[in-house]
Amino acid sequence: MAKKIGIAALVLVLAVGIALGVIWRRVTALPEWYESGEMIADDGTPRVDDDWVRIPPSEAGPRRVKGETFQLRNPHLRAPERDEGAQLREVVKQSRAVYSKSKNAFEAGAVVNMSDMDVDELSESERARYEDTIEAFPALTGRDVYIGVEGDVRNQGGEIVFGPKAKLRVGDTRYSIKTAAKRLGLSEAELRKTLADELGRMNIDLPGQ
């Protein structure tokens, strides 16, 4: 039976990077768009796009591509506040999704802070993994860290499904879905389903579909 771990799956991907001995600087690298003016509305609140906004390819990020490019700012705030939605709003500082239509390249990620995780809301196994990680690497607390997923995608049954070469990203380091799933104690199918569920809960679909 598939494990439903929601946003905790993304946060706990941090353990993947640490377990593999990733250089600390790369793990804690933050994206260029974080805390930029474009992420904040005129009234000082987070800017939330109701639908995809077309942007110049040069603003897509380090992996710039040609053609039509779209973004969604802070899509996590579109998620329901019930259940995991409330937890998500506490943990996530800012989030962003970008899609290049010509290259079929999709990236969605968030800057999170593990210190804001409500441990009481985690399952027993999730709590144990979280506590082991913090005990071994206390410097993880009190820091903002970027976690995302990127790769080619398709719409399948109303869900965004990532292709075989999709990667999970922690800071500026990337891992295959298979590697990340193994480190998290999940099957690849379970992790892929979790990612699709998270995007669906935030009402993220591909532009024009």
Protein backbone atom coordinates (compact mmCIF):
# COMPACT_ATOMS: atom_id res chain seq x y z
CA MET A 1 0.00 0.00 0.00
CA ALA A 2 1.38 3.38 -0.96
CA LYS A 3 2.68 5.51 1.90
CA LYS A 4 1.06 8.93 2.12
CA ILE A 5 3.68 11.26 3.49
CA GLY A 6 2.92 14.45 1.58
CA ILE A 7 5.12 17.46 2.21
CA ALA A 8 7.17 15.49 4.72
CA ALA A 9 8.59 13.53 1.77
CA LEU A 10 10.02 16.69 0.26
CA VAL A 11 11.42 17.98 3.54
CA LEU A 12 12.98 14.64 4.40
CA VAL A 13 14.77 14.49 1.08
CA LEU A 14 17.33 16.56 2.97
CA ALA A 15 18.41 13.29 4.53
CA VAL A 16 19.34 12.02 1.08
CA GLY A 17 21.91 14.74 0.57
CA ILE A 18 23.38 14.35 4.02
CA ALA A 19 23.54 10.56 3.83
CA LEU A 20 25.45 10.79 0.55
CA GLY A 21 27.99 13.18 2.01
CA VAL A 22 27.12 16.19 -0.14
CA ILE A 23 29.21 19.32 0.31
CA TRP A 24 27.40 21.57 2.79
CA ARG A 25 27.66 24.68 0.65
CA ARG A 26 25.86 22.98 -2.24
CA VAL A 27 23.12 21.58 -0.01
CA THR A 28 22.29 25.00 1.39
CA ALA A 29 22.48 26.92 -1.91
CA LEU A 30 19.32 28.97 -2.46
CA PRO A 31 17.76 29.81 -5.85
CA GLU A 32 18.18 33.27 -7.36
CA TRP A 33 14.48 34.03 -7.15
CA TYR A 34 14.25 33.51 -3.37
CA GLU A 35 13.35 36.76 -1.58
CA SER A 36 13.45 38.68 -4.86
CA GLY A 37 11.07 41.56 -5.45
CA GLU A 38 9.08 39.60 -8.01
CA MET A 39 7.95 37.14 -5.32
CA ILE A 40 6.38 39.86 -3.18
CA ALA A 41 3.20 41.82 -3.98
CA ASP A 42 2.92 45.60 -3.61
CA ASP A 43 1.30 45.22 -0.18
CA GLY A 44 4.24 43.18 1.12
CA THR A 45 2.46 39.81 1.07
CA PRO A 46 3.66 36.84 -1.00
CA ARG A 47 2.64 37.12 -4.64
CA VAL A 48 0.41 34.20 -5.60
CA ASP A 49 -0.35 33.59 -9.29
CA ASP A 50 -3.86 32.32 -10.01
CA ASP A 51 -2.66 30.94 -13.34
CA TRP A 52 0.57 30.52 -15.26
CA VAL A 53 2.32 33.79 -16.14
CA ARG A 54 4.44 34.00 -19.29
CA ILE A 55 7.98 35.21 -18.61
CA PRO A 56 11.12 35.77 -20.70
CA PRO A 57 13.25 32.58 -20.86
CA SER A 58 16.10 34.56 -19.28
CA GLU A 59 14.10 34.76 -16.05
CA ALA A 60 13.45 31.04 -15.81
CA GLY A 61 16.60 30.36 -13.82
CA PRO A 62 20.04 28.81 -14.31
CA ARG A 63 18.74 26.22 -16.79
CA ARG A 64 17.63 28.83 -19.35
CA VAL A 65 15.93 27.58 -22.49
CA LYS A 66 14.38 29.13 -25.57
CA GLY A 67 10.69 29.34 -26.31
CA GLU A 68 7.55 29.99 -24.27
CA THR A 69 8.27 29.89 -20.56
CA PHE A 70 5.76 30.18 -17.73
CA GLN A 71 5.93 30.52 -13.96
CA LEU A 72 3.72 30.19 -10.90
CA ARG A 73 4.76 32.11 -7.81
CA ASN A 74 4.09 30.67 -4.36
CA PRO A 75 1.73 27.90 -5.50
CA HIS A 76 1.93 26.33 -2.02
CA LEU A 77 -0.41 29.10 -0.84
CA ARG A 78 -3.06 27.76 -3.22
CA ALA A 79 -3.22 24.49 -1.30
CA PRO A 80 -6.13 23.90 1.13
CA GLU A 81 -5.37 24.95 4.69
CA ARG A 82 -6.86 21.76 6.11
CA ASP A 83 -4.80 18.65 6.81
CA GLU A 84 -1.27 19.04 5.47
CA GLY A 85 -2.02 22.47 4.02
CA ALA A 86 -1.52 24.15 7.37
CA GLN A 87 1.74 22.29 7.91
CA LEU A 88 2.90 23.27 4.44
CA ARG A 89 2.29 26.97 5.10
CA GLU A 90 4.37 26.83 8.27
CA VAL A 91 7.36 25.09 6.69
CA VAL A 92 7.55 26.75 3.26
CA LYS A 93 8.99 30.25 2.96
CA GLN A 94 8.53 30.69 -0.79
CA SER A 95 7.80 28.36 -3.70
CA ARG A 96 7.91 28.56 -7.48
CA ALA A 97 7.09 26.44 -10.50
CA VAL A 98 8.50 27.04 -14.00
CA TYR A 99 7.57 25.33 -17.26
CA SER A 100 9.25 25.67 -20.67
CA LYS A 101 6.76 24.62 -23.32
CA SER A 102 9.25 24.16 -26.16
CA LYS A 103 11.56 21.92 -24.13
CA ASN A 104 8.81 20.34 -22.00
CA ALA A 105 11.00 21.19 -19.01
CA PHE A 106 9.25 21.51 -15.64
CA GLU A 107 10.65 22.55 -12.27
CA ALA A 108 8.80 23.06 -9.00
CA GLY A 109 10.39 23.69 -5.65
CA ALA A 110 10.25 25.50 -2.36
CA VAL A 111 12.56 27.06 0.19
CA VAL A 112 11.79 25.39 3.50
CA ASN A 113 13.02 25.62 7.07
CA MET A 114 13.06 22.39 9.04
CA SER A 115 12.92 24.31 12.30
CA ASP A 116 9.30 25.14 11.53
CA MET A 117 8.28 21.52 11.07
CA ASP A 118 5.60 20.48 13.56
CA VAL A 119 7.11 17.16 14.57
CA ASP A 120 3.94 16.16 16.41
CA GLU A 121 2.12 16.06 13.07
CA LEU A 122 4.52 13.49 11.58
CA SER A 123 3.99 9.75 11.67
CA GLU A 124 6.20 7.67 13.97
CA SER A 125 8.56 6.63 11.17
CA GLU A 126 8.78 10.17 9.76
CA ARG A 127 9.50 11.58 13.21
CA ALA A 128 12.28 9.05 13.78
CA ARG A 129 13.94 9.94 10.47
CA TYR A 130 13.59 13.64 11.18
CA GLU A 131 15.06 13.38 14.68
CA ASP A 132 17.97 11.19 13.54
CA THR A 133 18.86 13.71 10.85
CA ILE A 134 18.73 16.68 13.22
CA GLU A 135 20.72 14.85 15.90
CA ALA A 136 23.47 13.98 13.44
CA PHE A 137 23.47 17.38 11.74
CA PRO A 138 22.13 20.06 14.12
CA ALA A 139 23.24 22.81 11.72
CA LEU A 140 20.24 21.91 9.56
CA THR A 141 17.95 23.68 11.99
CA GLY A 142 17.45 27.39 11.63
CA ARG A 143 18.42 27.37 7.95
CA ASP A 144 16.47 27.87 4.75
CA VAL A 145 17.03 25.06 2.23
CA TYR A 146 15.72 24.66 -1.32
CA ILE A 147 14.01 21.38 -2.24
CA GLY A 148 12.52 20.74 -5.66
CA VAL A 149 11.81 18.35 -8.50
CA GLU A 150 12.61 18.90 -12.17
CA GLY A 151 12.50 17.11 -15.50
CA ASP A 152 10.34 16.37 -18.51
CA VAL A 153 6.66 15.86 -17.78
CA ARG A 154 3.35 14.78 -19.24
CA ASN A 155 -0.29 15.04 -18.23
CA GLN A 156 -1.68 11.64 -17.33
CA GLY A 157 -5.20 11.31 -16.03
CA GLY A 158 -5.19 14.89 -14.81
CA GLU A 159 -1.86 14.52 -12.97
CA ILE A 160 1.61 15.80 -13.81
CA VAL A 161 3.80 12.75 -14.33
CA PHE A 162 7.59 13.08 -14.48
CA GLY A 163 9.68 11.26 -17.05
CA PRO A 164 12.37 8.66 -16.25
CA LYS A 165 15.17 11.23 -16.07
CA ALA A 166 13.47 13.49 -13.50
CA LYS A 167 15.60 14.66 -10.57
CA LEU A 168 15.02 15.70 -6.99
CA ARG A 169 17.05 18.77 -6.11
CA VAL A 170 18.40 19.70 -2.68
CA GLY A 171 20.19 23.05 -2.73
CA ASP A 172 22.28 22.87 -5.87
CA THR A 173 22.60 19.07 -5.88
CA ARG A 174 20.41 16.67 -7.86
CA TYR A 175 19.44 13.02 -7.37
CA SER A 176 17.52 10.55 -9.47
CA ILE A 177 14.02 9.70 -8.25
CA LYS A 178 15.19 6.11 -7.78
CA THR A 179 18.11 7.12 -5.55
CA ALA A 180 16.04 9.53 -3.48
CA ALA A 181 13.25 6.98 -3.01
CA LYS A 182 15.68 4.32 -1.81
CA ARG A 183 17.20 6.66 0.76
CA LEU A 184 13.73 7.59 1.99
CA GLY A 185 12.69 3.95 2.34
CA LEU A 186 10.10 4.22 -0.44
CA SER A 187 9.66 2.57 -3.78
CA GLU A 188 10.21 4.76 -6.83
CA ALA A 189 6.49 4.47 -7.66
CA GLU A 190 5.51 5.65 -4.17
CA LEU A 191 7.74 8.72 -4.36
CA ARG A 192 6.53 9.58 -7.85
CA LYS A 193 2.92 9.29 -6.67
CA THR A 194 3.66 11.51 -3.68
CA LEU A 195 5.14 14.19 -5.92
CA ALA A 196 2.15 14.03 -8.28
CA ASP A 197 -0.24 14.27 -5.32
CA GLU A 198 1.56 17.34 -3.96
CA LEU A 199 1.38 19.15 -7.29
CA GLY A 200 -2.27 18.21 -7.63
CA ARG A 201 -3.09 19.46 -4.14
CA MET A 202 -1.70 22.85 -5.16
CA ASN A 203 -3.82 22.76 -8.34
CA ILE A 204 -0.74 22.79 -10.57
CA ASP A 205 -1.35 21.61 -14.12
CA LEU A 206 0.54 22.22 -17.32
CA PRO A 207 -0.23 25.48 -19.15
CA GLY A 208 -3.10 25.18 -21.59
CA GLN A 209 -4.35 21.86 -20.19
